Amino acid sequence: MPGEMILRIWDVEHGACAMLRHLLNGQAGRLAMIDSGCTQDWRPSTYIRHELQRNRLDYLFITNADQDHMSDLNGLWEEGVQVETFTRNPHPPAEVLRAMKEVNGPLTSDIQRYLEIHRNFNQPVSLPFNDGMGGITAKTYFNSYPGCNTTNDLSLVVFIDFGGFKILFPGDLEREGWLALLAKQDFRHDLGSVDILVASHHGRENGYCEEVFEFCQPRAIVMSDKAIVHNTQGMTQTYRQRISNNWPNGVLVATTKKQRRVLTTRRDGWIQFNVNDRGDFTIYTEHFG
């Protein structure tokens, strides 16, 4: 379908939040969001309500049932933003997930909201994502409980595709979760056409799985994290080398005119992909790196 996909990965420090829309003749279509992380200074709920002046979020994916992926989830309700369609891993059952979360102490309002949605948002959607986003499509995978029994390995994995451009959001998968998904032929096939990989678990070492790169040859890696946290800097070189094996020059960032193999929100701020209907993409960043 003609037009353009605008996908922005927001700088929410050690968290996750991305927004995407289809743009046609300057007119923005429905709004989708992957995770609802925030910082003290920026919240997706207030951005949607007051900057975009919308009271509706058409599609919301939550890739991981931990606070850093949903730290502004309840804020959407507080700001009066109606969430039309909510996608997450349906495993485990709500009562099991509640018990898993209570091990770490009192539940936040965001976790409580997630558990409410997890229990009650189980009806067929009126307009599926792949029919409502102007040609942008999503394909999801997840592991089942009790085969996997941690929230990280039960992450929802989301492939977003437009015009042949594909970006992968794997949540916080760790090695065991990656290997379980790699057992699926369709998953391995989809990995083969990924252009951009968002590093699992914010680039932490336990989110890295070497076997993934037997099937996946992305042109660049994106890390969503803040400075000097969880040793992500130590993994940057590992990911950079993985890209160099197949794409020595990585990708060109229009903001800086530099070739990059790893982009990070801690260095670049928000990272935006403008993708045309042929799959060609231009990368813009908030900062000059």
C-alpha atoms as a PDB file:
ATOM      1  CA  MET A   1       0.000   0.000   0.000  1.00  0.00           C
ATOM      2  CA  PRO A   2       1.341   3.499  -0.782  1.00  0.00           C
ATOM      3  CA  GLY A   3       2.413   5.889   1.921  1.00  0.00           C
ATOM      4  CA  GLU A   4       5.022   5.752   4.647  1.00  0.00           C
ATOM      5  CA  MET A   5       5.517   4.113   8.021  1.00  0.00           C
ATOM      6  CA  ILE A   6       6.831   6.364  10.765  1.00  0.00           C
ATOM      7  CA  LEU A   7       8.226   4.296  13.627  1.00  0.00           C
ATOM      8  CA  ARG A   8       9.885   5.990  16.586  1.00  0.00           C
ATOM      9  CA  ILE A   9      11.679   4.185  19.406  1.00  0.00           C
ATOM     10  CA  TRP A  10      11.500   6.582  22.341  1.00  0.00           C
ATOM     11  CA  ASP A  11      14.267   7.219  24.839  1.00  0.00           C
ATOM     12  CA  VAL A  12      12.747   5.895  28.051  1.00  0.00           C
ATOM     13  CA  GLU A  13      16.093   4.970  29.573  1.00  0.00           C
ATOM     14  CA  HIS A  14      15.974   1.424  30.985  1.00  0.00           C
ATOM     15  CA  GLY A  15      12.538   0.777  29.542  1.00  0.00           C
ATOM     16  CA  ALA A  16      10.762   0.317  26.246  1.00  0.00           C
ATOM     17  CA  CYS A  17       8.300   2.344  24.180  1.00  0.00           C
ATOM     18  CA  ALA A  18       7.848   2.647  20.421  1.00  0.00           C
ATOM     19  CA  MET A  19       5.079   4.273  18.387  1.00  0.00           C
ATOM     20  CA  LEU A  20       4.160   3.739  14.754  1.00  0.00           C
ATOM     21  CA  ARG A  21       1.705   5.183  12.283  1.00  0.00           C
ATOM     22  CA  HIS A  22       0.962   5.005   8.577  1.00  0.00           C
ATOM     23  CA  LEU A  23       1.256   8.335   6.782  1.00  0.00           C
ATOM     24  CA  LEU A  24      -0.491   8.970   3.452  1.00  0.00           C
ATOM     25  CA  ASN A  25      -0.471  12.369   1.732  1.00  0.00           C
ATOM     26  CA  GLY A  26       0.506  14.000   5.014  1.00  0.00           C
ATOM     27  CA  GLN A  27      -2.392  12.435   6.908  1.00  0.00           C
ATOM     28  CA  ALA A  28      -1.580  10.119   9.811  1.00  0.00           C
ATOM     29  CA  GLY A  29      -3.598   6.951  10.214  1.00  0.00           C
ATOM     30  CA  ARG A  30      -4.210   4.808  13.262  1.00  0.00           C
ATOM     31  CA  LEU A  31      -1.734   4.839  16.128  1.00  0.00           C
ATOM     32  CA  ALA A  32      -0.002   1.748  17.485  1.00  0.00           C
ATOM     33  CA  MET A  33       2.408   1.445  20.389  1.00  0.00           C
ATOM     34  CA  ILE A  34       4.800  -1.293  21.476  1.00  0.00           C
ATOM     35  CA  ASP A  35       5.283  -1.126  25.255  1.00  0.00           C
ATOM     36  CA  SER A  36       4.453   1.844  27.464  1.00  0.00           C
ATOM     37  CA  GLY A  37       7.668   2.685  29.270  1.00  0.00           C
ATOM     38  CA  CYS A  38       8.272   6.247  30.476  1.00  0.00           C
ATOM     39  CA  THR A  39      10.706   8.499  32.314  1.00  0.00           C
ATOM     40  CA  GLN A  40      10.142  11.162  34.955  1.00  0.00           C
ATOM     41  CA  ASP A  41      10.150  13.795  32.211  1.00  0.00           C
ATOM     42  CA  TRP A  42       8.264  12.044  29.398  1.00  0.00           C
ATOM     43  CA  ARG A  43       5.210   9.820  29.323  1.00  0.00           C
ATOM     44  CA  PRO A  44       3.529   8.275  26.286  1.00  0.00           C
ATOM     45  CA  SER A  45       0.110   8.935  27.824  1.00  0.00           C
ATOM     46  CA  THR A  46       0.611  12.701  28.003  1.00  0.00           C
ATOM     47  CA  TYR A  47       2.305  12.753  24.601  1.00  0.00           C
ATOM     48  CA  ILE A  48      -0.649  10.981  22.986  1.00  0.00           C
ATOM     49  CA  ARG A  49      -3.256  13.061  24.802  1.00  0.00           C
ATOM     50  CA  HIS A  50      -1.675  16.511  24.604  1.00  0.00           C
ATOM     51  CA  GLU A  51       0.925  16.494  21.798  1.00  0.00           C
ATOM     52  CA  LEU A  52      -0.905  14.264  19.346  1.00  0.00           C
ATOM     53  CA  GLN A  53      -4.258  15.418  20.784  1.00  0.00           C
ATOM     54  CA  ARG A  54      -5.700  11.949  20.596  1.00  0.00           C
ATOM     55  CA  ASN A  55      -7.921  10.197  23.112  1.00  0.00           C
ATOM     56  CA  ARG A  56      -7.509   6.805  21.481  1.00  0.00           C
ATOM     57  CA  LEU A  57      -4.656   4.339  21.072  1.00  0.00           C
ATOM     58  CA  ASP A  58      -5.723   1.893  18.401  1.00  0.00           C
ATOM     59  CA  TYR A  59      -3.230  -0.904  19.088  1.00  0.00           C
ATOM     60  CA  LEU A  60      -1.036  -1.615  22.099  1.00  0.00           C
ATOM     61  CA  PHE A  61       1.464  -4.458  22.335  1.00  0.00           C
ATOM     62  CA  ILE A  62       3.129  -5.225  25.669  1.00  0.00           C
ATOM     63  CA  THR A  63       6.161  -7.424  25.071  1.00  0.00           C
ATOM     64  CA  ASN A  64       7.061  -8.150  28.685  1.00  0.00           C
ATOM     65  CA  ALA A  65       5.044  -8.287  31.906  1.00  0.00           C
ATOM     66  CA  ASP A  66       7.604  -6.296  33.895  1.00  0.00           C
ATOM     67  CA  GLN A  67       7.373  -2.709  35.105  1.00  0.00           C
ATOM     68  CA  ASP A  68       9.934  -1.191  32.728  1.00  0.00           C
ATOM     69  CA  HIS A  69       7.808  -2.197  29.743  1.00  0.00           C
ATOM     70  CA  MET A  70       4.592  -0.744  31.165  1.00  0.00           C
ATOM     71  CA  SER A  71       5.547   2.033  33.586  1.00  0.00           C
ATOM     72  CA  ASP A  72       2.917   4.339  32.037  1.00  0.00           C
ATOM     73  CA  LEU A  73       0.258   1.737  31.315  1.00  0.00           C
ATOM     74  CA  ASN A  74      -2.119   2.974  33.991  1.00  0.00           C
ATOM     75  CA  GLY A  75      -1.310   6.519  32.881  1.00  0.00           C
ATOM     76  CA  LEU A  76      -3.165   5.888  29.625  1.00  0.00           C
ATOM     77  CA  TRP A  77      -6.364   5.354  31.612  1.00  0.00           C
ATOM     78  CA  GLU A  78      -5.637   8.332  33.860  1.00  0.00           C
ATOM     79  CA  GLU A  79      -5.200  10.566  30.796  1.00  0.00           C
ATOM     80  CA  GLY A  80      -8.406   9.281  29.224  1.00  0.00           C
ATOM     81  CA  VAL A  81      -6.690   7.469  26.350  1.00  0.00           C
ATOM     82  CA  GLN A  82      -8.889   4.604  25.224  1.00  0.00           C
ATOM     83  CA  VAL A  83      -6.964   1.442  24.281  1.00  0.00           C
ATOM     84  CA  GLU A  84      -8.886  -0.325  21.532  1.00  0.00           C
ATOM     85  CA  THR A  85      -6.796  -3.478  21.064  1.00  0.00           C
ATOM     86  CA  PHE A  86      -4.320  -4.975  23.527  1.00  0.00           C
ATOM     87  CA  THR A  87      -1.910  -7.737  22.496  1.00  0.00           C
ATOM     88  CA  ARG A  88       0.290  -9.713  24.913  1.00  0.00           C
ATOM     89  CA  ASN A  89       1.358 -13.266  25.536  1.00  0.00           C
ATOM     90  CA  PRO A  90      -1.795 -14.989  26.849  1.00  0.00           C
ATOM     91  CA  HIS A  91       0.400 -17.163  29.079  1.00  0.00           C
ATOM     92  CA  PRO A  92       0.389 -17.761  31.985  1.00  0.00           C
ATOM     93  CA  PRO A  93      -3.151 -17.463  33.403  1.00  0.00           C
ATOM     94  CA  ALA A  94      -3.828 -14.228  35.252  1.00  0.00           C
ATOM     95  CA  GLU A  95      -3.806 -15.812  38.716  1.00  0.00           C
ATOM     96  CA  VAL A  96      -0.448 -17.490  38.035  1.00  0.00           C
ATOM     97  CA  LEU A  97       1.024 -14.264  36.705  1.00  0.00           C
ATOM     98  CA  ARG A  98      -0.227 -12.373  39.761  1.00  0.00           C
ATOM     99  CA  ALA A  99       1.539 -14.836  42.039  1.00  0.00           C
ATOM    100  CA  MET A 100       4.737 -14.488  39.992  1.00  0.00           C
ATOM    101  CA  LYS A 101       4.632 -10.692  40.293  1.00  0.00           C
ATOM    102  CA  GLU A 102       3.780 -10.662  44.011  1.00  0.00           C
ATOM    103  CA  VAL A 103       7.041 -12.477  44.764  1.00  0.00           C
ATOM    104  CA  ASN A 104       8.794  -9.147  44.125  1.00  0.00           C
ATOM    105  CA  GLY A 105       6.614  -7.168  46.523  1.00  0.00           C
ATOM    106  CA  PRO A 106       3.496  -4.989  46.305  1.00  0.00           C
ATOM    107  CA  LEU A 107       2.059  -4.577  42.823  1.00  0.00           C
ATOM    108  CA  THR A 108       2.309  -1.206  41.097  1.00  0.00           C
ATOM    109  CA  SER A 109      -0.782   0.383  39.596  1.00  0.00           C
ATOM    110  CA  ASP A 110       0.612  -0.468  36.153  1.00  0.00           C
ATOM    111  CA  ILE A 111       1.014  -4.159  36.984  1.00  0.00           C
ATOM    112  CA  GLN A 112      -2.470  -4.199  38.484  1.00  0.00           C
ATOM    113  CA  ARG A 113      -3.833  -2.637  35.295  1.00  0.00           C
ATOM    114  CA  TYR A 114      -1.978  -5.203  33.202  1.00  0.00           C
ATOM    115  CA  LEU A 115      -3.398  -8.067  35.256  1.00  0.00           C
ATOM    116  CA  GLU A 116      -6.907  -6.663  34.850  1.00  0.00           C
ATOM    117  CA  ILE A 117      -6.457  -6.437  31.096  1.00  0.00           C
ATOM    118  CA  HIS A 118      -4.815  -9.863  30.970  1.00  0.00           C
ATOM    119  CA  ARG A 119      -7.863 -11.328  32.645  1.00  0.00           C
ATOM    120  CA  ASN A 120     -10.551  -9.433  30.747  1.00  0.00           C
ATOM    121  CA  PHE A 121      -9.316  -8.474  27.249  1.00  0.00           C
ATOM    122  CA  ASN A 122     -10.149 -11.779  25.590  1.00  0.00           C
ATOM    123  CA  GLN A 123     -12.698 -10.903  22.914  1.00  0.00           C
ATOM    124  CA  PRO A 124     -12.058 -10.900  19.140  1.00  0.00           C
ATOM    125  CA  VAL A 125     -10.965  -7.483  17.899  1.00  0.00           C
ATOM    126  CA  SER A 126     -13.179  -5.490  15.569  1.00  0.00           C
ATOM    127  CA  LEU A 127     -10.347  -4.376  13.275  1.00  0.00           C
ATOM    128  CA  PRO A 128      -7.178  -6.501  13.367  1.00  0.00           C
ATOM    129  CA  PHE A 129      -3.846  -4.673  13.183  1.00  0.00           C
ATOM    130  CA  ASN A 130      -3.001  -6.102   9.771  1.00  0.00           C
ATOM    131  CA  ASP A 131      -6.257  -4.730   8.344  1.00  0.00           C
ATOM    132  CA  GLY A 132      -6.159  -1.327  10.006  1.00  0.00           C
ATOM    133  CA  MET A 133      -2.626   0.032   9.678  1.00  0.00           C
ATOM    134  CA  GLY A 134      -2.427   0.987   6.017  1.00  0.00           C
ATOM    135  CA  GLY A 135      -0.319  -1.961   4.941  1.00  0.00           C
ATOM    136  CA  ILE A 136       1.853  -2.190   8.057  1.00  0.00           C
ATOM    137  CA  THR A 137       1.674  -5.739   9.383  1.00  0.00           C
ATOM    138  CA  ALA A 138       2.589  -7.402  12.658  1.00  0.00           C
ATOM    139  CA  LYS A 139       3.394 -11.024  13.373  1.00  0.00           C
ATOM    140  CA  THR A 140       3.812 -12.255  16.930  1.00  0.00           C
ATOM    141  CA  TYR A 141       5.333 -15.262  18.631  1.00  0.00           C
ATOM    142  CA  PHE A 142       5.502 -16.344  22.253  1.00  0.00           C
ATOM    143  CA  ASN A 143       6.445 -19.250  24.436  1.00  0.00           C
ATOM    144  CA  SER A 144       3.888 -21.099  26.536  1.00  0.00           C
ATOM    145  CA  TYR A 145       3.685 -21.677  30.289  1.00  0.00           C
ATOM    146  CA  PRO A 146       4.864 -23.852  32.028  1.00  0.00           C
ATOM    147  CA  GLY A 147       7.365 -24.746  29.306  1.00  0.00           C
ATOM    148  CA  CYS A 148       8.848 -21.343  30.056  1.00  0.00           C
ATOM    149  CA  ASN A 149       8.206 -19.971  33.529  1.00  0.00           C
ATOM    150  CA  THR A 150       9.811 -16.516  33.722  1.00  0.00           C
ATOM    151  CA  THR A 151       8.314 -13.268  32.508  1.00  0.00           C
ATOM    152  CA  ASN A 152      11.398 -12.688  30.346  1.00  0.00           C
ATOM    153  CA  ASP A 153      11.163 -15.963  28.462  1.00  0.00           C
ATOM    154  CA  LEU A 154       7.391 -15.449  28.183  1.00  0.00           C
ATOM    155  CA  SER A 155       7.980 -12.198  26.298  1.00  0.00           C
ATOM    156  CA  LEU A 156       5.772 -11.417  23.320  1.00  0.00           C
ATOM    157  CA  VAL A 157       7.964 -11.189  20.210  1.00  0.00           C
ATOM    158  CA  VAL A 158       6.722  -8.741  17.567  1.00  0.00           C
ATOM    159  CA  PHE A 159       7.812  -8.502  13.927  1.00  0.00           C
ATOM    160  CA  ILE A 160       6.697  -5.264  12.244  1.00  0.00           C
ATOM    161  CA  ASP A 161       6.803  -5.181   8.443  1.00  0.00           C
ATOM    162  CA  PHE A 162       6.115  -2.484   5.866  1.00  0.00           C
ATOM    163  CA  GLY A 163       7.042  -2.641   2.204  1.00  0.00           C
ATOM    164  CA  GLY A 164       9.516  -5.423   2.910  1.00  0.00           C
ATOM    165  CA  PHE A 165      11.262  -3.568   5.742  1.00  0.00           C
ATOM    166  CA  LYS A 166      11.153  -5.634   8.942  1.00  0.00           C
ATOM    167  CA  ILE A 167      12.040  -4.749  12.536  1.00  0.00           C
ATOM    168  CA  LEU A 168      11.971  -7.190  15.439  1.00  0.00           C
ATOM    169  CA  PHE A 169      10.966  -6.340  19.022  1.00  0.00           C
ATOM    170  CA  PRO A 170      11.826  -9.402  21.165  1.00  0.00           C
ATOM    171  CA  GLY A 171      10.944  -8.023  24.594  1.00  0.00           C
ATOM    172  CA  ASP A 172      13.270  -9.383  27.277  1.00  0.00           C
ATOM    173  CA  LEU A 173      13.857 -12.872  25.914  1.00  0.00           C
ATOM    174  CA  GLU A 174      16.778 -14.683  27.472  1.00  0.00           C
ATOM    175  CA  ARG A 175      18.664 -17.585  25.975  1.00  0.00           C
ATOM    176  CA  GLU A 176      16.206 -20.317  27.018  1.00  0.00           C
ATOM    177  CA  GLY A 177      13.305 -18.373  25.536  1.00  0.00           C
ATOM    178  CA  TRP A 178      15.164 -17.695  22.289  1.00  0.00           C
ATOM    179  CA  LEU A 179      16.034 -21.365  21.898  1.00  0.00           C
ATOM    180  CA  ALA A 180      12.423 -22.421  22.474  1.00  0.00           C
ATOM    181  CA  LEU A 181      11.262 -20.098  19.688  1.00  0.00           C
ATOM    182  CA  LEU A 182      14.090 -21.163  17.388  1.00  0.00           C
ATOM    183  CA  ALA A 183      12.565 -24.637  17.436  1.00  0.00           C
ATOM    184  CA  LYS A 184       9.723 -23.200  15.332  1.00  0.00           C
ATOM    185  CA  GLN A 185      10.351 -23.231  11.575  1.00  0.00           C
ATOM    186  CA  ASP A 186       8.160 -20.177  10.914  1.00  0.00           C
ATOM    187  CA  PHE A 187      10.068 -18.168  13.501  1.00  0.00           C
ATOM    188  CA  ARG A 188      13.407 -19.089  11.964  1.00  0.00           C
ATOM    189  CA  HIS A 189      12.059 -18.115   8.551  1.00  0.00           C
ATOM    190  CA  ASP A 190      10.885 -14.713   9.775  1.00  0.00           C
ATOM    191  CA  LEU A 191      14.256 -14.036  11.364  1.00  0.00           C
ATOM    192  CA  GLY A 192      15.854 -14.324   7.944  1.00  0.00           C
ATOM    193  CA  SER A 193      14.287 -11.097   6.650  1.00  0.00           C
ATOM    194  CA  VAL A 194      14.891  -8.821   9.658  1.00  0.00           C
ATOM    195  CA  ASP A 195      16.510  -5.472   8.805  1.00  0.00           C
ATOM    196  CA  ILE A 196      16.652  -4.011  12.335  1.00  0.00           C
ATOM    197  CA  LEU A 197      16.876  -5.962  15.581  1.00  0.00           C
ATOM    198  CA  VAL A 198      15.974  -4.322  18.867  1.00  0.00           C
ATOM    199  CA  ALA A 199      18.347  -5.944  21.346  1.00  0.00           C
ATOM    200  CA  SER A 200      16.563  -8.184  23.815  1.00  0.00           C
ATOM    201  CA  HIS A 201      16.586  -7.174  27.484  1.00  0.00           C
ATOM    202  CA  HIS A 202      17.947  -3.703  26.665  1.00  0.00           C
ATOM    203  CA  GLY A 203      21.195  -5.164  25.367  1.00  0.00           C
ATOM    204  CA  ARG A 204      22.082  -7.052  28.546  1.00  0.00           C
ATOM    205  CA  GLU A 205      24.262 -10.117  28.166  1.00  0.00           C
ATOM    206  CA  ASN A 206      21.516 -12.492  29.295  1.00  0.00           C
ATOM    207  CA  GLY A 207      19.350 -11.334  26.388  1.00  0.00           C
ATOM    208  CA  TYR A 208      21.946 -12.391  23.835  1.00  0.00           C
ATOM    209  CA  CYS A 209      21.641 -15.712  22.011  1.00  0.00           C
ATOM    210  CA  GLU A 210      24.375 -16.561  19.525  1.00  0.00           C
ATOM    211  CA  GLU A 211      22.215 -19.078  17.666  1.00  0.00           C
ATOM    212  CA  VAL A 212      19.800 -16.321  16.610  1.00  0.00           C
ATOM    213  CA  PHE A 213      22.451 -14.977  14.250  1.00  0.00           C
ATOM    214  CA  GLU A 214      22.584 -18.244  12.348  1.00  0.00           C
ATOM    215  CA  PHE A 215      19.239 -17.156  10.882  1.00  0.00           C
ATOM    216  CA  CYS A 216      19.092 -13.402  11.466  1.00  0.00           C
ATOM    217  CA  GLN A 217      21.430 -10.968   9.688  1.00  0.00           C
ATOM    218  CA  PRO A 218      20.149  -7.503  10.622  1.00  0.00           C
ATOM    219  CA  ARG A 219      21.657  -4.346   9.213  1.00  0.00           C
ATOM    220  CA  ALA A 220      21.730  -2.658  12.623  1.00  0.00           C
ATOM    221  CA  ILE A 221      20.944  -3.208  16.300  1.00  0.00           C
ATOM    222  CA  VAL A 222      18.955  -0.801  18.491  1.00  0.00           C
ATOM    223  CA  MET A 223      19.378  -0.745  22.280  1.00  0.00           C
ATOM    224  CA  SER A 224      16.913   0.955  24.605  1.00  0.00           C
ATOM    225  CA  ASP A 225      18.751   1.736  27.844  1.00  0.00           C
ATOM    226  CA  LYS A 226      20.357   4.442  29.928  1.00  0.00           C
ATOM    227  CA  ALA A 227      24.048   5.019  30.580  1.00  0.00           C
ATOM    228  CA  ILE A 228      26.229   2.750  32.711  1.00  0.00           C
ATOM    229  CA  VAL A 229      23.452   0.344  33.639  1.00  0.00           C
ATOM    230  CA  HIS A 230      23.474  -3.450  33.438  1.00  0.00           C
ATOM    231  CA  ASN A 231      26.764  -3.606  31.538  1.00  0.00           C
ATOM    232  CA  THR A 232      25.130  -2.988  28.164  1.00  0.00           C
ATOM    233  CA  GLN A 233      28.224  -1.127  27.026  1.00  0.00           C
ATOM    234  CA  GLY A 234      30.081  -4.434  27.242  1.00  0.00           C
ATOM    235  CA  MET A 235      27.651  -6.016  24.760  1.00  0.00           C
ATOM    236  CA  THR A 236      27.781  -3.181  22.257  1.00  0.00           C
ATOM    237  CA  GLN A 237      30.992  -4.475  20.739  1.00  0.00           C
ATOM    238  CA  THR A 238      29.583  -8.001  20.522  1.00  0.00           C
ATOM    239  CA  TYR A 239      26.542  -6.799  18.607  1.00  0.00           C
ATOM    240  CA  ARG A 240      28.660  -4.456  16.465  1.00  0.00           C
ATOM    241  CA  GLN A 241      30.843  -7.368  15.401  1.00  0.00           C
ATOM    242  CA  ARG A 242      27.769  -9.441  14.543  1.00  0.00           C
ATOM    243  CA  ILE A 243      26.586  -6.692  12.185  1.00  0.00           C
ATOM    244  CA  SER A 244      30.060  -6.295  10.674  1.00  0.00           C
ATOM    245  CA  ASN A 245      30.086  -9.932   9.587  1.00  0.00           C
ATOM    246  CA  ASN A 246      27.370  -9.232   6.996  1.00  0.00           C
ATOM    247  CA  TRP A 247      26.968  -5.438   6.821  1.00  0.00           C
ATOM    248  CA  PRO A 248      30.398  -3.866   7.385  1.00  0.00           C
ATOM    249  CA  ASN A 249      29.030  -0.333   7.010  1.00  0.00           C
ATOM    250  CA  GLY A 250      25.810  -0.849   8.963  1.00  0.00           C
ATOM    251  CA  VAL A 251      23.208   1.813   8.196  1.00  0.00           C
ATOM    252  CA  LEU A 252      23.382   5.516   7.405  1.00  0.00           C
ATOM    253  CA  VAL A 253      21.886   7.895   9.990  1.00  0.00           C
ATOM    254  CA  ALA A 254      20.499  10.951   8.208  1.00  0.00           C
ATOM    255  CA  THR A 255      20.852  13.184  11.270  1.00  0.00           C
ATOM    256  CA  THR A 256      24.623  12.762  11.470  1.00  0.00           C
ATOM    257  CA  LYS A 257      25.512  11.395   7.991  1.00  0.00           C
ATOM    258  CA  LYS A 258      27.403   8.635   9.805  1.00  0.00           C
ATOM    259  CA  GLN A 259      27.348   4.888   9.238  1.00  0.00           C
ATOM    260  CA  ARG A 260      26.292   3.021  12.356  1.00  0.00           C
ATOM    261  CA  ARG A 261      25.931  -0.623  13.305  1.00  0.00           C
ATOM    262  CA  VAL A 262      24.546  -0.139  16.832  1.00  0.00           C
ATOM    263  CA  LEU A 263      22.238   2.696  17.866  1.00  0.00           C
ATOM    264  CA  THR A 264      21.371   3.359  21.500  1.00  0.00           C
ATOM    265  CA  THR A 265      18.799   5.604  23.108  1.00  0.00           C
ATOM    266  CA  ARG A 266      21.374   6.599  25.734  1.00  0.00           C
ATOM    267  CA  ARG A 267      23.546   8.092  22.962  1.00  0.00           C
ATOM    268  CA  ASP A 268      21.039   8.950  20.244  1.00  0.00           C
ATOM    269  CA  GLY A 269      17.864   9.838  22.153  1.00  0.00           C
ATOM    270  CA  TRP A 270      14.798   8.759  20.244  1.00  0.00           C
ATOM    271  CA  ILE A 271      15.465   6.806  17.053  1.00  0.00           C
ATOM    272  CA  GLN A 272      13.029   7.127  14.152  1.00  0.00           C
ATOM    273  CA  PHE A 273      12.607   5.045  11.012  1.00  0.00           C
ATOM    274  CA  ASN A 274      10.785   6.569   8.041  1.00  0.00           C
ATOM    275  CA  VAL A 275       9.982   3.672   5.706  1.00  0.00           C
ATOM    276  CA  ASN A 276       8.457   3.999   2.237  1.00  0.00           C
ATOM    277  CA  ASP A 277       6.244   1.436   0.534  1.00  0.00           C
ATOM    278  CA  ARG A 278       9.258  -0.139  -1.205  1.00  0.00           C
ATOM    279  CA  GLY A 279      10.910  -0.861   2.139  1.00  0.00           C
ATOM    280  CA  ASP A 280      13.553   1.843   1.790  1.00  0.00           C
ATOM    281  CA  PHE A 281      14.190   3.524   5.133  1.00  0.00           C
ATOM    282  CA  THR A 282      15.748   6.670   6.521  1.00  0.00           C
ATOM    283  CA  ILE A 283      16.938   6.895  10.126  1.00  0.00           C
ATOM    284  CA  TYR A 284      16.709  10.068  12.209  1.00  0.00           C
ATOM    285  CA  THR A 285      17.882  10.543  15.786  1.00  0.00           C
ATOM    286  CA  GLU A 286      17.096  13.077  18.474  1.00  0.00           C
ATOM    287  CA  HIS A 287      20.762  13.720  19.251  1.00  0.00           C
ATOM    288  CA  PHE A 288      23.890  13.847  17.132  1.00  0.00           C
ATOM    289  CA  GLY A 289      25.512  10.917  18.912  1.00  0.00           C
END
